[in-house]
N, C-alpha and C. Protein backbone atom coordinates (compact mmCIF):
# COMPACT_ATOMS: atom_id res chain seq x y z
N UNK A 1 10.44 28.38 16.84
CA UNK A 1 9.35 27.46 17.04
C UNK A 1 9.83 26.03 16.82
N UNK A 2 9.19 25.13 17.51
CA UNK A 2 9.51 23.72 17.41
C UNK A 2 8.28 22.97 16.93
N UNK A 3 8.51 21.96 16.13
CA UNK A 3 7.42 21.10 15.66
C UNK A 3 7.73 19.67 16.06
N UNK A 4 6.75 19.02 16.64
CA UNK A 4 6.89 17.63 17.07
C UNK A 4 5.75 16.82 16.46
N UNK A 5 6.10 15.69 15.88
CA UNK A 5 5.09 14.74 15.40
C UNK A 5 5.01 13.62 16.43
N UNK A 6 3.79 13.23 16.77
CA UNK A 6 3.63 12.15 17.74
C UNK A 6 2.36 11.37 17.45
N UNK A 7 2.38 10.14 17.91
CA UNK A 7 1.19 9.30 17.86
C UNK A 7 0.64 9.22 19.27
N UNK A 8 -0.65 9.47 19.39
CA UNK A 8 -1.33 9.44 20.68
C UNK A 8 -2.44 8.40 20.57
N UNK A 9 -2.48 7.47 21.51
CA UNK A 9 -3.49 6.41 21.45
C UNK A 9 -4.14 6.20 22.81
N UNK A 10 -5.43 5.90 22.78
CA UNK A 10 -6.13 5.55 24.01
C UNK A 10 -5.84 4.08 24.31
N UNK A 11 -5.77 3.77 25.59
CA UNK A 11 -5.52 2.39 25.99
C UNK A 11 -6.71 1.82 26.76
N UNK A 12 -7.74 2.64 26.96
CA UNK A 12 -8.96 2.20 27.64
C UNK A 12 -10.15 2.87 26.96
N UNK A 13 -11.30 2.20 26.89
CA UNK A 13 -12.46 2.76 26.20
C UNK A 13 -12.87 4.15 26.68
N UNK A 14 -12.78 4.41 27.98
CA UNK A 14 -13.21 5.72 28.49
C UNK A 14 -12.31 6.86 28.00
N UNK A 15 -11.09 6.57 27.62
CA UNK A 15 -10.19 7.62 27.11
C UNK A 15 -10.57 8.07 25.70
N UNK A 16 -11.14 7.19 24.91
CA UNK A 16 -11.47 7.53 23.52
C UNK A 16 -12.53 8.61 23.44
N UNK A 17 -13.36 8.73 24.46
CA UNK A 17 -14.43 9.73 24.43
C UNK A 17 -14.07 11.03 25.15
N UNK A 18 -12.87 11.13 25.68
CA UNK A 18 -12.45 12.33 26.39
C UNK A 18 -12.01 13.42 25.41
N UNK A 19 -12.25 14.69 25.75
CA UNK A 19 -11.90 15.80 24.84
C UNK A 19 -10.44 16.25 24.98
N UNK A 20 -9.50 15.32 24.85
CA UNK A 20 -8.09 15.68 25.06
C UNK A 20 -7.56 16.61 23.98
N UNK A 21 -8.06 16.54 22.76
CA UNK A 21 -7.62 17.46 21.71
C UNK A 21 -8.05 18.88 22.07
N UNK A 22 -9.28 19.03 22.50
CA UNK A 22 -9.77 20.35 22.92
C UNK A 22 -8.93 20.90 24.06
N UNK A 23 -8.63 20.08 25.03
CA UNK A 23 -7.83 20.53 26.17
C UNK A 23 -6.42 20.94 25.75
N UNK A 24 -5.83 20.21 24.83
CA UNK A 24 -4.49 20.57 24.35
C UNK A 24 -4.47 21.97 23.75
N UNK A 25 -5.46 22.29 22.93
CA UNK A 25 -5.42 23.59 22.24
C UNK A 25 -5.96 24.73 23.08
N UNK A 26 -6.68 24.44 24.17
CA UNK A 26 -7.16 25.53 25.02
C UNK A 26 -6.29 25.75 26.25
N UNK A 27 -5.60 24.73 26.73
CA UNK A 27 -4.80 24.87 27.94
C UNK A 27 -3.32 25.14 27.69
N UNK A 28 -2.88 24.93 26.45
CA UNK A 28 -1.46 25.11 26.14
C UNK A 28 -1.33 25.98 24.90
N UNK A 29 -0.26 26.74 24.83
CA UNK A 29 -0.02 27.63 23.69
C UNK A 29 0.68 26.85 22.58
N UNK A 30 -0.06 25.92 22.00
CA UNK A 30 0.46 25.10 20.90
C UNK A 30 -0.57 25.08 19.78
N UNK A 31 -0.07 24.85 18.59
CA UNK A 31 -0.94 24.62 17.44
C UNK A 31 -0.96 23.12 17.19
N UNK A 32 -2.14 22.58 17.04
CA UNK A 32 -2.30 21.14 16.84
C UNK A 32 -2.83 20.91 15.43
N UNK A 33 -2.17 20.03 14.71
CA UNK A 33 -2.61 19.64 13.38
C UNK A 33 -2.80 18.13 13.39
N UNK A 34 -4.00 17.66 13.13
CA UNK A 34 -4.26 16.23 13.07
C UNK A 34 -3.91 15.75 11.67
N UNK A 35 -2.89 14.92 11.57
CA UNK A 35 -2.42 14.44 10.28
C UNK A 35 -3.15 13.18 9.84
N UNK A 36 -3.50 12.34 10.81
CA UNK A 36 -4.23 11.11 10.53
C UNK A 36 -4.83 10.64 11.84
N UNK A 37 -6.01 10.05 11.80
CA UNK A 37 -6.64 9.57 13.04
C UNK A 37 -7.66 8.49 12.74
N UNK A 38 -7.91 7.69 13.77
CA UNK A 38 -8.95 6.67 13.72
C UNK A 38 -9.52 6.59 15.14
N UNK A 39 -10.73 7.08 15.32
CA UNK A 39 -11.32 7.13 16.66
C UNK A 39 -12.73 6.56 16.59
N UNK A 40 -13.02 5.63 17.50
CA UNK A 40 -14.39 5.14 17.63
C UNK A 40 -14.73 5.12 19.11
N UNK A 41 -15.83 4.49 19.48
CA UNK A 41 -16.29 4.58 20.87
C UNK A 41 -15.41 3.83 21.86
N UNK A 42 -14.63 2.85 21.41
CA UNK A 42 -13.83 2.05 22.33
C UNK A 42 -12.33 2.31 22.27
N UNK A 43 -11.86 2.83 21.18
CA UNK A 43 -10.42 2.99 20.99
C UNK A 43 -10.18 4.12 20.01
N UNK A 44 -9.05 4.77 20.16
CA UNK A 44 -8.70 5.80 19.19
C UNK A 44 -7.22 6.06 19.17
N UNK A 45 -6.76 6.54 18.04
CA UNK A 45 -5.37 6.98 17.92
C UNK A 45 -5.35 8.16 16.96
N UNK A 46 -4.35 9.00 17.14
CA UNK A 46 -4.18 10.15 16.25
C UNK A 46 -2.70 10.39 16.04
N UNK A 47 -2.33 10.65 14.81
CA UNK A 47 -0.98 11.07 14.47
C UNK A 47 -1.07 12.58 14.31
N UNK A 48 -0.41 13.32 15.21
CA UNK A 48 -0.57 14.77 15.25
C UNK A 48 0.77 15.49 15.13
N UNK A 49 0.66 16.76 14.80
CA UNK A 49 1.81 17.66 14.76
C UNK A 49 1.53 18.77 15.75
N UNK A 50 2.42 18.96 16.72
CA UNK A 50 2.33 20.06 17.67
C UNK A 50 3.40 21.08 17.33
N UNK A 51 3.02 22.34 17.28
CA UNK A 51 3.97 23.42 17.02
C UNK A 51 3.85 24.45 18.13
N UNK A 52 5.00 24.90 18.63
CA UNK A 52 5.03 25.90 19.69
C UNK A 52 6.44 26.01 20.23
N UNK A 53 6.57 26.69 21.35
CA UNK A 53 7.89 26.77 21.97
C UNK A 53 8.22 25.41 22.58
N UNK A 54 9.50 25.17 22.78
CA UNK A 54 9.93 23.91 23.39
C UNK A 54 9.25 23.73 24.74
N UNK A 55 9.19 24.81 25.52
CA UNK A 55 8.61 24.73 26.86
C UNK A 55 7.13 24.35 26.82
N UNK A 56 6.37 24.97 25.92
CA UNK A 56 4.93 24.67 25.83
C UNK A 56 4.69 23.25 25.33
N UNK A 57 5.48 22.82 24.37
CA UNK A 57 5.33 21.44 23.89
C UNK A 57 5.67 20.45 25.00
N UNK A 58 6.69 20.75 25.79
CA UNK A 58 7.04 19.88 26.92
C UNK A 58 5.90 19.85 27.94
N UNK A 59 5.31 21.01 28.23
CA UNK A 59 4.18 21.06 29.17
C UNK A 59 3.00 20.25 28.65
N UNK A 60 2.69 20.43 27.36
CA UNK A 60 1.56 19.72 26.75
C UNK A 60 1.81 18.21 26.76
N UNK A 61 3.02 17.81 26.42
CA UNK A 61 3.36 16.39 26.40
C UNK A 61 3.31 15.80 27.81
N UNK A 62 3.81 16.53 28.79
CA UNK A 62 3.76 16.07 30.18
C UNK A 62 2.30 15.89 30.61
N UNK A 63 1.44 16.82 30.24
CA UNK A 63 0.03 16.69 30.58
C UNK A 63 -0.57 15.45 29.92
N UNK A 64 -0.25 15.22 28.65
CA UNK A 64 -0.77 14.04 27.95
C UNK A 64 -0.41 12.76 28.70
N UNK A 65 0.81 12.70 29.22
CA UNK A 65 1.24 11.52 29.97
C UNK A 65 0.41 11.33 31.24
N UNK A 66 -0.06 12.42 31.86
CA UNK A 66 -0.87 12.29 33.08
C UNK A 66 -2.26 11.75 32.79
N UNK A 67 -2.71 11.80 31.54
CA UNK A 67 -4.05 11.33 31.18
C UNK A 67 -4.11 9.82 31.04
N UNK A 68 -2.97 9.17 30.96
CA UNK A 68 -2.94 7.73 30.74
C UNK A 68 -2.92 7.34 29.27
N UNK A 69 -2.98 8.34 28.38
CA UNK A 69 -2.89 8.05 26.95
C UNK A 69 -1.48 7.57 26.63
N UNK A 70 -1.37 6.75 25.60
CA UNK A 70 -0.05 6.31 25.13
C UNK A 70 0.47 7.38 24.18
N UNK A 71 1.62 7.96 24.51
CA UNK A 71 2.20 9.04 23.71
C UNK A 71 3.54 8.57 23.17
N UNK A 72 3.67 8.61 21.85
CA UNK A 72 4.89 8.13 21.20
C UNK A 72 5.43 9.21 20.26
N UNK A 73 6.51 9.91 20.66
CA UNK A 73 7.11 10.90 19.75
C UNK A 73 7.64 10.21 18.50
N UNK A 74 7.45 10.86 17.36
CA UNK A 74 7.89 10.28 16.10
C UNK A 74 9.02 11.10 15.50
N UNK A 75 8.88 12.43 15.54
CA UNK A 75 9.87 13.29 14.88
C UNK A 75 9.81 14.67 15.51
N UNK A 76 10.96 15.36 15.54
CA UNK A 76 11.01 16.72 16.08
C UNK A 76 11.87 17.57 15.17
N UNK A 77 11.44 18.80 14.93
CA UNK A 77 12.26 19.74 14.16
C UNK A 77 12.17 21.11 14.81
N UNK A 78 13.24 21.87 14.70
CA UNK A 78 13.31 23.21 15.29
C UNK A 78 13.57 24.19 14.17
N UNK A 79 12.81 25.28 14.16
CA UNK A 79 13.03 26.33 13.16
C UNK A 79 13.10 27.67 13.85
N UNK A 80 13.73 28.62 13.20
CA UNK A 80 13.90 29.96 13.78
C UNK A 80 12.66 30.78 13.62
C-alpha cells in the first residue's frame, strides 16, 4: 500500500461546494483521511492522506486534476 499526503484547494467559488471528497471515496479504491481543512462557501482547502495502491492513487490524483482543483503533493510513503 502507498500513502500520499496532499493539499487540495479550490480556486473558484463553485468548486468549494462540489462533493469531490465523496467522489474520491466512491469512485476510487482509496482510503481518504482528512488531516486538516478549512472550507466555506467561496473557498476551501484540505490537507488529506490518501492510501491505496499506486495505480488507484494515480487514477484518483489524475481525476482531481480534471476538476480544476489545485492539487499539491506533500509527501509519499510506500509500505508492504
